[in-house]
Amino acid sequence: MKRKTGRIGAAIVALTALAGLAVQFDATLAQTGSVGETLWTLLRFFTIWANILVVITFGPIALGRHVSARRVGGTVLAILLVGIIYGLLLRGLLSLSGGALLADTLLHKVTPLLAPLWWIGFARKAQLSRRDPWIWAIFPAAYLPYALLRGMMEGAYAYPFINVAKLGWGQVAINALLIAIGFVLAGYALVWIDSRFSGPPSRLRPTR
């Protein structure tokens, strides 16, 4: 019964992220008028990449397929980062309405809430190891140079805290370092919580 409920929950998480992506695509397409330009614009943002990751991770779970605990944990941490950064640094910067506002709510608020709740309620526990936070950090670490390169090439940065033209390399490096430290610490918190649900820390073992 719990497994079936977990699959239903995973479907809700995946469909929420997918709906947010679809609404955002439609809202952006209305501005650009081009499918190619819309895709290129959206893929500038970590929010989009993280929600895509949610879809391709929770979708298979909803279909009853095995997805490693490490992948699920990394996905949850990535989308949680989206919600935290949005709440602390980005909320209120843009005045949104209609589809754009709905997409903003789904991608930045609802999915970042549902995914961790699903993990707490249904994810297999005692499957994570202490090296996992560093593996999970590869995703945002790879995004940073990509975002900086696009920003320098296009003259428009995805997020204000990585705007080299305005802040300079020193401040951007500090911002990135602080976010990286927070991400890794949050990863270790996730591993710690994982161990608390299933027994003493000695039961931690590598993800299969």
Protein backbone atom coordinates (compact mmCIF):
# COMPACT_ATOMS: atom_id res chain seq x y z
CA MET A 1 0.00 0.00 0.00
CA LYS A 2 2.79 2.40 0.92
CA ARG A 3 4.58 1.58 -2.32
CA LYS A 4 1.47 2.37 -4.35
CA THR A 5 0.96 5.60 -2.42
CA GLY A 6 4.61 6.46 -2.99
CA ARG A 7 4.20 5.97 -6.73
CA ILE A 8 1.13 8.22 -6.73
CA GLY A 9 3.09 10.81 -4.75
CA ALA A 10 6.00 10.60 -7.16
CA ALA A 11 3.60 11.10 -10.07
CA ILE A 12 2.24 14.23 -8.40
CA VAL A 13 5.77 15.60 -7.95
CA ALA A 14 6.75 14.82 -11.55
CA LEU A 15 3.53 16.22 -13.01
CA THR A 16 3.82 19.39 -10.94
CA ALA A 17 7.31 20.02 -12.27
CA LEU A 18 6.22 19.12 -15.79
CA ALA A 19 3.23 21.45 -15.58
CA GLY A 20 5.46 24.27 -14.39
CA LEU A 21 7.86 23.69 -17.28
CA ALA A 22 5.00 23.57 -19.79
CA VAL A 23 3.39 26.77 -18.50
CA GLN A 24 6.74 28.53 -18.43
CA PHE A 25 7.46 27.38 -21.97
CA ASP A 26 4.11 28.73 -23.16
CA ALA A 27 4.61 32.06 -21.38
CA THR A 28 8.12 32.47 -22.81
CA LEU A 29 7.01 31.40 -26.29
CA ALA A 30 4.41 34.17 -26.24
CA GLN A 31 7.29 36.62 -25.79
CA THR A 32 9.84 35.17 -28.20
CA GLY A 33 7.55 33.74 -30.89
CA SER A 34 10.12 31.03 -31.59
CA VAL A 35 10.34 27.51 -30.20
CA GLY A 36 14.11 27.41 -30.61
CA GLU A 37 14.64 30.77 -28.95
CA THR A 38 12.27 29.80 -26.15
CA LEU A 39 14.21 26.61 -25.41
CA TRP A 40 17.51 28.47 -25.53
CA THR A 41 16.19 31.16 -23.18
CA LEU A 42 14.77 28.73 -20.64
CA LEU A 43 17.88 26.56 -20.53
CA ARG A 44 19.78 29.55 -19.19
CA PHE A 45 18.26 28.95 -15.75
CA PHE A 46 19.21 26.43 -13.07
CA THR A 47 15.54 26.35 -12.07
CA ILE A 48 14.66 24.80 -15.43
CA TRP A 49 17.45 22.23 -15.29
CA ALA A 50 16.51 21.24 -11.73
CA ASN A 51 12.83 20.82 -12.59
CA ILE A 52 13.75 18.74 -15.64
CA LEU A 53 15.80 16.57 -13.30
CA VAL A 54 12.75 16.20 -11.06
CA VAL A 55 10.65 15.02 -14.01
CA ILE A 56 13.18 12.45 -15.22
CA THR A 57 13.79 11.17 -11.68
CA PHE A 58 10.28 11.06 -10.22
CA GLY A 59 8.62 10.03 -13.49
CA PRO A 60 10.25 6.59 -13.53
CA ILE A 61 9.49 6.14 -9.82
CA ALA A 62 5.83 6.79 -10.57
CA LEU A 63 6.00 4.08 -13.23
CA GLY A 64 7.40 1.58 -10.74
CA ARG A 65 10.97 1.63 -12.01
CA HIS A 66 14.01 1.55 -9.77
CA VAL A 67 15.85 4.82 -9.28
CA SER A 68 18.91 4.87 -7.02
CA ALA A 69 18.66 6.57 -3.65
CA ARG A 70 21.69 8.67 -4.55
CA ARG A 71 19.97 10.05 -7.65
CA VAL A 72 16.77 10.76 -5.75
CA GLY A 73 18.69 12.48 -2.95
CA GLY A 74 20.64 14.63 -5.40
CA THR A 75 17.47 15.60 -7.21
CA VAL A 76 15.73 16.56 -3.98
CA LEU A 77 18.73 18.62 -2.91
CA ALA A 78 18.92 20.42 -6.28
CA ILE A 79 15.25 21.40 -6.30
CA LEU A 80 15.46 22.36 -2.63
CA LEU A 81 18.32 24.70 -3.57
CA VAL A 82 16.02 26.29 -6.15
CA GLY A 83 13.39 27.00 -3.51
CA ILE A 84 15.85 28.33 -0.92
CA ILE A 85 17.72 30.61 -3.34
CA TYR A 86 14.44 31.90 -4.70
CA GLY A 87 13.11 32.64 -1.23
CA LEU A 88 16.28 34.33 -0.03
CA LEU A 89 17.57 36.16 -3.09
CA LEU A 90 15.08 36.27 -5.97
CA ARG A 91 11.55 36.59 -4.66
CA GLY A 92 9.88 39.85 -5.66
CA LEU A 93 12.52 40.91 -8.17
CA LEU A 94 10.05 40.58 -11.07
CA SER A 95 6.42 41.58 -11.34
CA LEU A 96 4.64 38.56 -12.81
CA SER A 97 1.08 37.75 -13.82
CA GLY A 98 -0.92 35.11 -15.68
CA GLY A 99 1.00 32.09 -16.90
CA ALA A 100 4.36 33.49 -15.84
CA LEU A 101 3.14 33.82 -12.25
CA LEU A 102 1.70 30.29 -12.25
CA ALA A 103 4.93 28.87 -13.64
CA ASP A 104 6.95 30.82 -11.08
CA THR A 105 4.83 29.36 -8.28
CA LEU A 106 5.05 25.77 -9.54
CA LEU A 107 8.76 25.81 -10.35
CA HIS A 108 10.07 27.83 -7.40
CA LYS A 109 7.64 27.02 -4.61
CA VAL A 110 5.42 23.99 -5.10
CA THR A 111 7.89 21.50 -6.59
CA PRO A 112 10.68 22.46 -4.13
CA LEU A 113 8.21 21.70 -1.34
CA LEU A 114 6.66 18.50 -2.69
CA ALA A 115 9.91 16.74 -3.60
CA PRO A 116 11.46 16.88 -0.08
CA LEU A 117 8.12 15.90 1.47
CA TRP A 118 7.98 12.86 -0.83
CA TRP A 119 11.56 11.98 0.12
CA ILE A 120 10.75 12.14 3.82
CA GLY A 121 7.62 10.04 3.46
CA PHE A 122 8.50 7.47 0.83
CA ALA A 123 12.21 7.29 -0.09
CA ARG A 124 14.15 4.25 1.03
CA LYS A 125 16.36 5.22 3.95
CA ALA A 126 19.88 4.25 5.08
CA GLN A 127 20.92 4.20 1.41
CA LEU A 128 23.12 7.31 1.36
CA SER A 129 26.81 7.68 2.11
CA ARG A 130 28.96 10.56 3.34
CA ARG A 131 30.52 11.03 -0.10
CA ASP A 132 27.16 11.67 -1.76
CA PRO A 133 27.01 15.44 -1.03
CA TRP A 134 30.19 15.92 -3.08
CA ILE A 135 28.76 13.87 -5.94
CA TRP A 136 25.53 15.90 -5.82
CA ALA A 137 27.56 19.13 -5.91
CA ILE A 138 28.78 18.28 -9.43
CA PHE A 139 25.43 19.37 -10.88
CA PRO A 140 25.41 23.00 -9.64
CA ALA A 141 29.19 23.19 -10.04
CA ALA A 142 28.86 22.30 -13.72
CA TYR A 143 26.03 24.80 -14.15
CA LEU A 144 28.07 27.76 -12.88
CA PRO A 145 30.66 27.99 -15.70
CA TYR A 146 27.91 27.33 -18.22
CA ALA A 147 25.83 30.20 -16.81
CA LEU A 148 28.83 32.53 -16.63
CA LEU A 149 29.86 31.76 -20.20
CA ARG A 150 26.34 32.39 -21.47
CA GLY A 151 26.14 35.59 -19.48
CA MET A 152 29.38 36.91 -20.93
CA MET A 153 28.41 35.92 -24.46
CA GLU A 154 24.86 37.26 -24.33
CA GLY A 155 25.30 40.20 -21.98
CA ALA A 156 22.47 38.89 -19.77
CA TYR A 157 23.05 36.74 -16.70
CA ALA A 158 20.53 34.22 -15.43
CA TYR A 159 20.77 35.43 -11.84
CA PRO A 160 21.85 38.77 -10.32
CA PHE A 161 24.28 37.15 -7.86
CA ILE A 162 26.42 35.83 -10.76
CA ASN A 163 26.34 39.05 -12.79
CA VAL A 164 30.06 39.54 -13.35
CA ALA A 165 29.52 42.77 -15.32
CA LYS A 166 27.83 44.39 -12.33
CA LEU A 167 29.43 42.70 -9.32
CA GLY A 168 32.90 41.79 -10.57
CA TRP A 169 34.63 38.43 -10.44
CA GLY A 170 35.58 38.71 -6.78
CA GLN A 171 32.04 39.14 -5.49
CA VAL A 172 30.65 36.50 -7.85
CA ALA A 173 33.30 34.06 -6.61
CA ILE A 174 32.32 34.79 -3.00
CA ASN A 175 28.63 34.34 -3.81
CA ALA A 176 29.30 31.06 -5.59
CA LEU A 177 31.47 29.80 -2.72
CA LEU A 178 28.82 30.62 -0.12
CA ILE A 179 26.13 28.86 -2.14
CA ALA A 180 28.43 25.86 -2.66
CA ILE A 181 29.17 25.61 1.06
CA GLY A 182 25.47 25.83 1.84
CA PHE A 183 24.68 23.17 -0.75
CA VAL A 184 27.24 20.69 0.60
CA LEU A 185 26.17 21.32 4.21
CA ALA A 186 22.54 20.76 3.19
CA GLY A 187 23.67 17.54 1.52
CA TYR A 188 25.24 16.31 4.74
CA ALA A 189 22.06 17.28 6.58
CA LEU A 190 20.13 15.11 4.12
CA VAL A 191 22.49 12.19 4.76
CA TRP A 192 22.13 12.72 8.52
CA ILE A 193 18.33 12.77 8.30
CA ASP A 194 18.47 9.64 6.16
CA SER A 195 20.42 7.86 8.90
CA ARG A 196 18.07 9.05 11.66
CA PHE A 197 15.06 7.49 9.95
CA SER A 198 16.59 4.03 9.92
CA GLY A 199 18.91 3.72 12.85
CA PRO A 200 22.42 4.69 13.99
CA PRO A 201 25.00 6.30 11.64
CA SER A 202 26.86 3.00 11.45
CA ARG A 203 24.12 1.71 9.19
CA LEU A 204 25.02 4.18 6.44
CA ARG A 205 26.18 2.40 3.34
CA PRO A 206 26.95 3.35 -0.25
CA THR A 207 24.00 3.82 -2.60
CA ARG A 208 23.18 0.85 -4.81
